[in-house]
C-alpha atoms as a PDB file:
ATOM      1  CA  MET A   1      -8.097  27.638  10.742  1.00  0.00           C
ATOM      2  CA  THR A   2      -4.409  28.463  11.030  1.00  0.00           C
ATOM      3  CA  THR A   3      -1.696  26.249   9.619  1.00  0.00           C
ATOM      4  CA  GLU A   4      -0.456  25.512  13.144  1.00  0.00           C
ATOM      5  CA  THR A   5      -3.958  24.549  14.284  1.00  0.00           C
ATOM      6  CA  ALA A   6      -4.463  22.301  11.214  1.00  0.00           C
ATOM      7  CA  GLU A   7      -1.089  20.592  11.845  1.00  0.00           C
ATOM      8  CA  THR A   8      -1.997  20.031  15.516  1.00  0.00           C
ATOM      9  CA  THR A   9      -5.415  18.630  14.555  1.00  0.00           C
ATOM     10  CA  GLU A  10      -3.804  16.275  11.994  1.00  0.00           C
ATOM     11  CA  ALA A  11      -1.206  15.104  14.498  1.00  0.00           C
ATOM     12  CA  THR A  12      -3.909  14.442  17.070  1.00  0.00           C
ATOM     13  CA  ARG A  13      -5.986  12.490  14.574  1.00  0.00           C
ATOM     14  CA  THR A  14      -2.989  10.366  13.559  1.00  0.00           C
ATOM     15  CA  ALA A  15      -2.204   9.642  17.216  1.00  0.00           C
ATOM     16  CA  GLU A  16      -5.811   8.589  17.795  1.00  0.00           C
ATOM     17  CA  VAL A  17      -5.658   6.145  14.891  1.00  0.00           C
ATOM     18  CA  ALA A  18      -2.379   4.736  16.166  1.00  0.00           C
ATOM     19  CA  GLU A  19      -3.946   4.128  19.521  1.00  0.00           C
ATOM     20  CA  THR A  20      -7.067   2.561  17.947  1.00  0.00           C
ATOM     21  CA  VAL A  21      -5.084   0.134  15.777  1.00  0.00           C
ATOM     22  CA  GLU A  22      -2.803  -1.929  17.948  1.00  0.00           C
ATOM     23  CA  THR A  23      -0.399  -4.251  16.146  1.00  0.00           C
ATOM     24  CA  VAL A  24       0.986  -7.048  18.267  1.00  0.00           C
ATOM     25  CA  GLU A  25       4.740  -7.800  18.089  1.00  0.00           C
ATOM     26  CA  THR A  26       5.259 -10.537  15.510  1.00  0.00           C
ATOM     27  CA  GLU A  27       8.018 -13.112  15.456  1.00  0.00           C
ATOM     28  CA  ASP A  28       9.580 -14.091  12.161  1.00  0.00           C
ATOM     29  CA  GLY A  29       7.549 -16.699  10.341  1.00  0.00           C
ATOM     30  CA  GLN A  30       4.328 -15.948  12.223  1.00  0.00           C
ATOM     31  CA  TYR A  31       1.152 -14.491  10.813  1.00  0.00           C
ATOM     32  CA  PRO A  32       0.737 -11.053  12.369  1.00  0.00           C
ATOM     33  CA  ALA A  33      -1.958 -10.623  15.018  1.00  0.00           C
ATOM     34  CA  ALA A  34      -3.744  -7.260  15.248  1.00  0.00           C
ATOM     35  CA  THR A  35      -6.444  -5.849  17.464  1.00  0.00           C
ATOM     36  CA  VAL A  36      -8.574  -3.347  15.588  1.00  0.00           C
ATOM     37  CA  GLU A  37     -11.518  -1.396  16.896  1.00  0.00           C
ATOM     38  CA  GLY A  38     -13.568  -0.454  13.869  1.00  0.00           C
ATOM     39  CA  PRO A  39     -17.136   0.712  13.147  1.00  0.00           C
ATOM     40  CA  THR A  40     -18.046  -2.948  12.331  1.00  0.00           C
ATOM     41  CA  PRO A  41     -16.349  -6.356  12.533  1.00  0.00           C
ATOM     42  CA  GLU A  42     -15.958  -6.173   8.714  1.00  0.00           C
ATOM     43  CA  HIS A  43     -13.998  -2.984   9.006  1.00  0.00           C
ATOM     44  CA  ALA A  44     -11.834  -4.574  11.666  1.00  0.00           C
ATOM     45  CA  ASP A  45     -11.170  -7.691   9.597  1.00  0.00           C
ATOM     46  CA  LEU A  46     -10.221  -5.713   6.436  1.00  0.00           C
ATOM     47  CA  ILE A  47      -7.844  -3.431   8.354  1.00  0.00           C
ATOM     48  CA  ALA A  48      -6.279  -6.400  10.197  1.00  0.00           C
ATOM     49  CA  GLU A  49      -5.649  -8.186   6.854  1.00  0.00           C
ATOM     50  CA  LEU A  50      -4.110  -4.980   5.434  1.00  0.00           C
ATOM     51  CA  HIS A  51      -1.755  -4.870   8.410  1.00  0.00           C
ATOM     52  CA  ALA A  52      -0.810  -8.530   7.941  1.00  0.00           C
ATOM     53  CA  ILE A  53      -0.008  -8.383   4.224  1.00  0.00           C
ATOM     54  CA  ARG A  54       1.826  -5.051   4.553  1.00  0.00           C
ATOM     55  CA  HIS A  55       3.924  -6.686   7.276  1.00  0.00           C
ATOM     56  CA  PHE A  56       5.012  -9.489   4.895  1.00  0.00           C
ATOM     57  CA  LEU A  57       5.937  -7.012   2.193  1.00  0.00           C
ATOM     58  CA  ARG A  58       8.037  -4.852   4.574  1.00  0.00           C
ATOM     59  CA  LEU A  59       9.656  -8.020   5.978  1.00  0.00           C
ATOM     60  CA  THR A  60      11.285  -8.738   2.610  1.00  0.00           C
ATOM     61  CA  ALA A  61      13.267  -5.439   2.991  1.00  0.00           C
ATOM     62  CA  ARG A  62      14.541  -6.112   6.503  1.00  0.00           C
ATOM     63  CA  GLY A  63      18.250  -5.422   6.798  1.00  0.00           C
ATOM     64  CA  LEU A  64      18.837  -4.602   3.145  1.00  0.00           C
ATOM     65  CA  THR A  65      21.100  -1.818   1.866  1.00  0.00           C
ATOM     66  CA  ASP A  66      19.889   0.547  -0.777  1.00  0.00           C
ATOM     67  CA  GLU A  67      21.950  -1.275  -3.378  1.00  0.00           C
ATOM     68  CA  GLN A  68      20.437  -4.598  -2.405  1.00  0.00           C
ATOM     69  CA  ALA A  69      16.960  -3.062  -2.532  1.00  0.00           C
ATOM     70  CA  ARG A  70      17.739  -2.060  -6.158  1.00  0.00           C
ATOM     71  CA  GLN A  71      19.160  -5.448  -7.113  1.00  0.00           C
ATOM     72  CA  ARG A  72      17.497  -7.816  -9.537  1.00  0.00           C
ATOM     73  CA  THR A  73      17.872 -11.455  -8.510  1.00  0.00           C
ATOM     74  CA  THR A  74      15.591 -13.196 -11.033  1.00  0.00           C
ATOM     75  CA  VAL A  75      14.885 -12.875 -14.773  1.00  0.00           C
ATOM     76  CA  SER A  76      12.269 -10.298 -13.788  1.00  0.00           C
ATOM     77  CA  GLU A  77      13.199  -6.632 -13.628  1.00  0.00           C
ATOM     78  CA  LEU A  78      11.367  -6.339 -10.330  1.00  0.00           C
ATOM     79  CA  THR A  79      13.321  -5.346  -7.174  1.00  0.00           C
ATOM     80  CA  ILE A  80      12.296  -5.115  -3.525  1.00  0.00           C
ATOM     81  CA  GLY A  81      12.699  -1.342  -3.343  1.00  0.00           C
ATOM     82  CA  GLY A  82      10.761  -0.875  -6.557  1.00  0.00           C
ATOM     83  CA  LEU A  83       7.933  -3.150  -5.406  1.00  0.00           C
ATOM     84  CA  ILE A  84       7.484  -1.264  -2.154  1.00  0.00           C
ATOM     85  CA  LYS A  85       7.485   2.002  -4.066  1.00  0.00           C
ATOM     86  CA  HIS A  86       4.868   0.681  -6.508  1.00  0.00           C
ATOM     87  CA  VAL A  87       2.586  -0.742  -3.790  1.00  0.00           C
ATOM     88  CA  THR A  88       2.753   2.610  -1.984  1.00  0.00           C
ATOM     89  CA  SER A  89       1.634   4.430  -5.124  1.00  0.00           C
ATOM     90  CA  THR A  90      -1.104   1.847  -5.775  1.00  0.00           C
ATOM     91  CA  GLU A  91      -2.530   2.054  -2.231  1.00  0.00           C
ATOM     92  CA  ARG A  92      -2.395   5.839  -2.242  1.00  0.00           C
ATOM     93  CA  ALA A  93      -4.354   6.017  -5.532  1.00  0.00           C
ATOM     94  CA  TRP A  94      -7.035   3.491  -4.646  1.00  0.00           C
ATOM     95  CA  SER A  95      -7.540   4.977  -1.184  1.00  0.00           C
ATOM     96  CA  ALA A  96      -8.121   8.325  -2.795  1.00  0.00           C
ATOM     97  CA  PHE A  97     -10.482   6.658  -5.260  1.00  0.00           C
ATOM     98  CA  ILE A  98     -12.747   5.626  -2.391  1.00  0.00           C
ATOM     99  CA  VAL A  99     -13.438   9.251  -1.593  1.00  0.00           C
ATOM    100  CA  GLN A 100     -12.766  11.111  -4.863  1.00  0.00           C
ATOM    101  CA  GLY A 101     -13.815   8.573  -7.461  1.00  0.00           C
ATOM    102  CA  PRO A 102     -12.170   8.379 -10.895  1.00  0.00           C
ATOM    103  CA  SER A 103     -10.706  11.904 -10.599  1.00  0.00           C
ATOM    104  CA  ALA A 104      -8.160  10.438  -8.176  1.00  0.00           C
ATOM    105  CA  MET A 105      -6.823   8.123 -10.914  1.00  0.00           C
ATOM    106  CA  PRO A 106      -4.801   8.909 -14.077  1.00  0.00           C
ATOM    107  CA  ASP A 107      -6.432   8.816 -17.472  1.00  0.00           C
ATOM    108  CA  PHE A 108      -5.079   5.467 -18.616  1.00  0.00           C
ATOM    109  CA  THR A 109      -6.510   5.914 -22.130  1.00  0.00           C
ATOM    110  CA  SER A 110      -4.306   8.891 -23.008  1.00  0.00           C
ATOM    111  CA  PHE A 111      -0.900   8.018 -21.555  1.00  0.00           C
ATOM    112  CA  THR A 112       1.963   9.974 -23.045  1.00  0.00           C
ATOM    113  CA  GLU A 113       5.572   8.777 -23.338  1.00  0.00           C
ATOM    114  CA  ALA A 114       6.366  10.721 -20.162  1.00  0.00           C
ATOM    115  CA  ASP A 115       3.471   8.963 -18.351  1.00  0.00           C
ATOM    116  CA  LEU A 116       4.760   5.579 -19.509  1.00  0.00           C
ATOM    117  CA  GLN A 117       8.298   6.389 -18.274  1.00  0.00           C
ATOM    118  CA  ALA A 118       6.915   7.524 -14.939  1.00  0.00           C
ATOM    119  CA  ARG A 119       5.097   4.209 -14.736  1.00  0.00           C
ATOM    120  CA  VAL A 120       8.324   2.320 -15.398  1.00  0.00           C
ATOM    121  CA  ASP A 121      10.163   4.435 -12.809  1.00  0.00           C
ATOM    122  CA  GLU A 122       7.440   3.631 -10.261  1.00  0.00           C
ATOM    123  CA  PHE A 123       8.823   0.059 -10.193  1.00  0.00           C
ATOM    124  CA  ARG A 124      12.435   1.212  -9.668  1.00  0.00           C
ATOM    125  CA  LEU A 125      14.325   2.529  -6.695  1.00  0.00           C
ATOM    126  CA  LEU A 126      15.969   5.458  -8.434  1.00  0.00           C
ATOM    127  CA  PRO A 127      19.551   6.539  -7.603  1.00  0.00           C
ATOM    128  CA  GLU A 128      18.421   9.497  -5.545  1.00  0.00           C
ATOM    129  CA  GLU A 129      15.927   7.388  -3.577  1.00  0.00           C
ATOM    130  CA  THR A 130      16.563   5.283  -0.495  1.00  0.00           C
ATOM    131  CA  LEU A 131      14.961   2.175   0.967  1.00  0.00           C
ATOM    132  CA  LEU A 132      14.287   4.074   4.199  1.00  0.00           C
ATOM    133  CA  GLY A 133      12.575   6.816   2.186  1.00  0.00           C
ATOM    134  CA  VAL A 134      10.184   4.460   0.410  1.00  0.00           C
ATOM    135  CA  LEU A 135       9.437   2.544   3.601  1.00  0.00           C
ATOM    136  CA  THR A 136       8.634   5.781   5.411  1.00  0.00           C
ATOM    137  CA  ALA A 137       6.366   6.841   2.572  1.00  0.00           C
ATOM    138  CA  TYR A 138       4.635   3.417   2.666  1.00  0.00           C
ATOM    139  CA  GLU A 139       4.026   3.751   6.392  1.00  0.00           C
ATOM    140  CA  ALA A 140       2.439   7.192   5.902  1.00  0.00           C
ATOM    141  CA  VAL A 141       0.121   5.973   3.146  1.00  0.00           C
ATOM    142  CA  ALA A 142      -0.850   2.922   5.254  1.00  0.00           C
ATOM    143  CA  ARG A 143      -1.790   5.182   8.181  1.00  0.00           C
ATOM    144  CA  GLY A 144      -3.888   7.284   5.870  1.00  0.00           C
ATOM    145  CA  THR A 145      -5.777   4.262   4.496  1.00  0.00           C
ATOM    146  CA  ASP A 146      -6.450   2.953   8.032  1.00  0.00           C
ATOM    147  CA  GLU A 147      -7.718   6.321   9.113  1.00  0.00           C
ATOM    148  CA  LEU A 148      -9.975   6.581   6.048  1.00  0.00           C
ATOM    149  CA  LEU A 149     -11.483   3.160   6.657  1.00  0.00           C
ATOM    150  CA  LEU A 150     -12.019   3.769  10.367  1.00  0.00           C
ATOM    151  CA  GLY A 151     -14.008   6.873   9.537  1.00  0.00           C
ATOM    152  CA  LEU A 152     -16.020   5.277   6.702  1.00  0.00           C
ATOM    153  CA  PRO A 153     -19.376   4.079   8.077  1.00  0.00           C
ATOM    154  CA  ASP A 154     -20.549   2.367   4.847  1.00  0.00           C
ATOM    155  CA  LEU A 155     -18.213   0.043   2.991  1.00  0.00           C
ATOM    156  CA  GLY A 156     -20.840  -0.282   0.274  1.00  0.00           C
ATOM    157  CA  VAL A 157     -20.447   3.210  -0.997  1.00  0.00           C
ATOM    158  CA  SER A 158     -19.315   3.009  -4.610  1.00  0.00           C
ATOM    159  CA  GLN A 159     -17.528   5.061  -7.241  1.00  0.00           C
ATOM    160  CA  PRO A 160     -17.396   4.659 -11.026  1.00  0.00           C
ATOM    161  CA  LEU A 161     -14.109   3.158 -12.239  1.00  0.00           C
ATOM    162  CA  PRO A 162     -11.803   5.291 -14.382  1.00  0.00           C
ATOM    163  CA  ALA A 163     -11.684   4.693 -18.090  1.00  0.00           C
ATOM    164  CA  ALA A 164      -9.116   2.016 -18.800  1.00  0.00           C
ATOM    165  CA  PRO A 165      -8.759  -0.884 -21.256  1.00  0.00           C
ATOM    166  CA  TRP A 166      -8.897  -3.414 -18.440  1.00  0.00           C
ATOM    167  CA  PHE A 167     -12.182  -2.136 -16.849  1.00  0.00           C
ATOM    168  CA  ALA A 168     -15.617  -2.747 -18.272  1.00  0.00           C
ATOM    169  CA  PRO A 169     -17.285   0.535 -19.368  1.00  0.00           C
ATOM    170  CA  GLY A 170     -19.630   1.913 -16.749  1.00  0.00           C
ATOM    171  CA  ALA A 171     -18.399  -0.427 -13.959  1.00  0.00           C
ATOM    172  CA  SER A 172     -18.247   0.716 -10.355  1.00  0.00           C
ATOM    173  CA  TRP A 173     -16.419  -0.510  -7.258  1.00  0.00           C
ATOM    174  CA  SER A 174     -17.570  -0.284  -3.725  1.00  0.00           C
ATOM    175  CA  ALA A 175     -15.168   0.804  -0.966  1.00  0.00           C
ATOM    176  CA  ARG A 176     -15.192  -2.839   0.124  1.00  0.00           C
ATOM    177  CA  ARG A 177     -14.126  -4.058  -3.314  1.00  0.00           C
ATOM    178  CA  THR A 178     -11.464  -1.385  -3.500  1.00  0.00           C
ATOM    179  CA  VAL A 179      -9.949  -2.435  -0.175  1.00  0.00           C
ATOM    180  CA  LEU A 180      -9.963  -6.060  -1.306  1.00  0.00           C
ATOM    181  CA  HIS A 181      -8.115  -4.956  -4.427  1.00  0.00           C
ATOM    182  CA  ILE A 182      -5.469  -3.168  -2.356  1.00  0.00           C
ATOM    183  CA  ILE A 183      -5.049  -6.378  -0.309  1.00  0.00           C
ATOM    184  CA  ALA A 184      -4.759  -8.522  -3.441  1.00  0.00           C
ATOM    185  CA  GLU A 185      -2.273  -6.154  -5.076  1.00  0.00           C
ATOM    186  CA  THR A 186      -0.148  -6.057  -1.920  1.00  0.00           C
ATOM    187  CA  ALA A 187      -0.266  -9.811  -1.493  1.00  0.00           C
ATOM    188  CA  GLN A 188       0.751 -10.449  -5.103  1.00  0.00           C
ATOM    189  CA  HIS A 189       3.751  -8.138  -4.834  1.00  0.00           C
ATOM    190  CA  ALA A 190       4.721  -9.429  -1.376  1.00  0.00           C
ATOM    191  CA  GLY A 191       5.057 -12.805  -2.988  1.00  0.00           C
ATOM    192  CA  HIS A 192       7.244 -11.335  -5.723  1.00  0.00           C
ATOM    193  CA  ALA A 193       9.403  -9.615  -3.130  1.00  0.00           C
ATOM    194  CA  ASP A 194       9.762 -12.799  -1.103  1.00  0.00           C
ATOM    195  CA  ILE A 195      11.161 -14.670  -4.092  1.00  0.00           C
ATOM    196  CA  ILE A 196      13.554 -11.809  -4.873  1.00  0.00           C
ATOM    197  CA  ARG A 197      14.794 -11.763  -1.252  1.00  0.00           C
ATOM    198  CA  GLU A 198      15.241 -15.550  -1.125  1.00  0.00           C
ATOM    199  CA  SER A 199      17.240 -15.408  -4.341  1.00  0.00           C
ATOM    200  CA  LEU A 200      19.337 -12.591  -2.882  1.00  0.00           C
ATOM    201  CA  ASP A 201      20.467 -14.151   0.434  1.00  0.00           C
ATOM    202  CA  GLY A 202      18.222 -17.089   1.259  1.00  0.00           C
ATOM    203  CA  GLN A 203      15.971 -15.135   3.651  1.00  0.00           C
ATOM    204  CA  LYS A 204      12.240 -15.972   3.486  1.00  0.00           C
ATOM    205  CA  SER A 205       9.196 -14.387   5.037  1.00  0.00           C
ATOM    206  CA  MET A 206       7.744 -17.671   6.207  1.00  0.00           C
ATOM    207  CA  GLY A 207       8.747 -21.326   6.079  1.00  0.00           C
END
């Protein structure tokens, strides 16, 4: 297959996913509605919830400048730009885990100083990075996750978890459990971002 053919095929597949997953226009303060055609109702519900919680995270960045996206507004070191960057990395890794297993994840038991610094930088919008850039990357990762799930007939397929101090040895997660983890991770950080935004200029996602 030529590079041009591969790119055309990928563009077609992405367009098909975009047509399959229709997100309804959402007013501020409303829970997003989404119409998803999936292999099963469970697939549809999981993808719809992913869309909803991603929406609330992105909403915290609406109208911000790069400097505001880097700004700390609480005692925490977390920032809106950094949180979106981190959630993007997290969703990318766990989506790959569904297919590739633990090889898609870093070896948490042998982190070097450079690995630890990269982990810290994952939570920061670096000087050479922009809010638009991290939002665009997040959108691309989200499309990839949706496409993966739409093409996954069995949510019960499982992979062994990578070695890490916080996982029980020999434990495995199903694709279903992994998607629920992505949702939980995104929801937690969307809440963090909402507090940071309210402290910045009074804007809130809901309420």
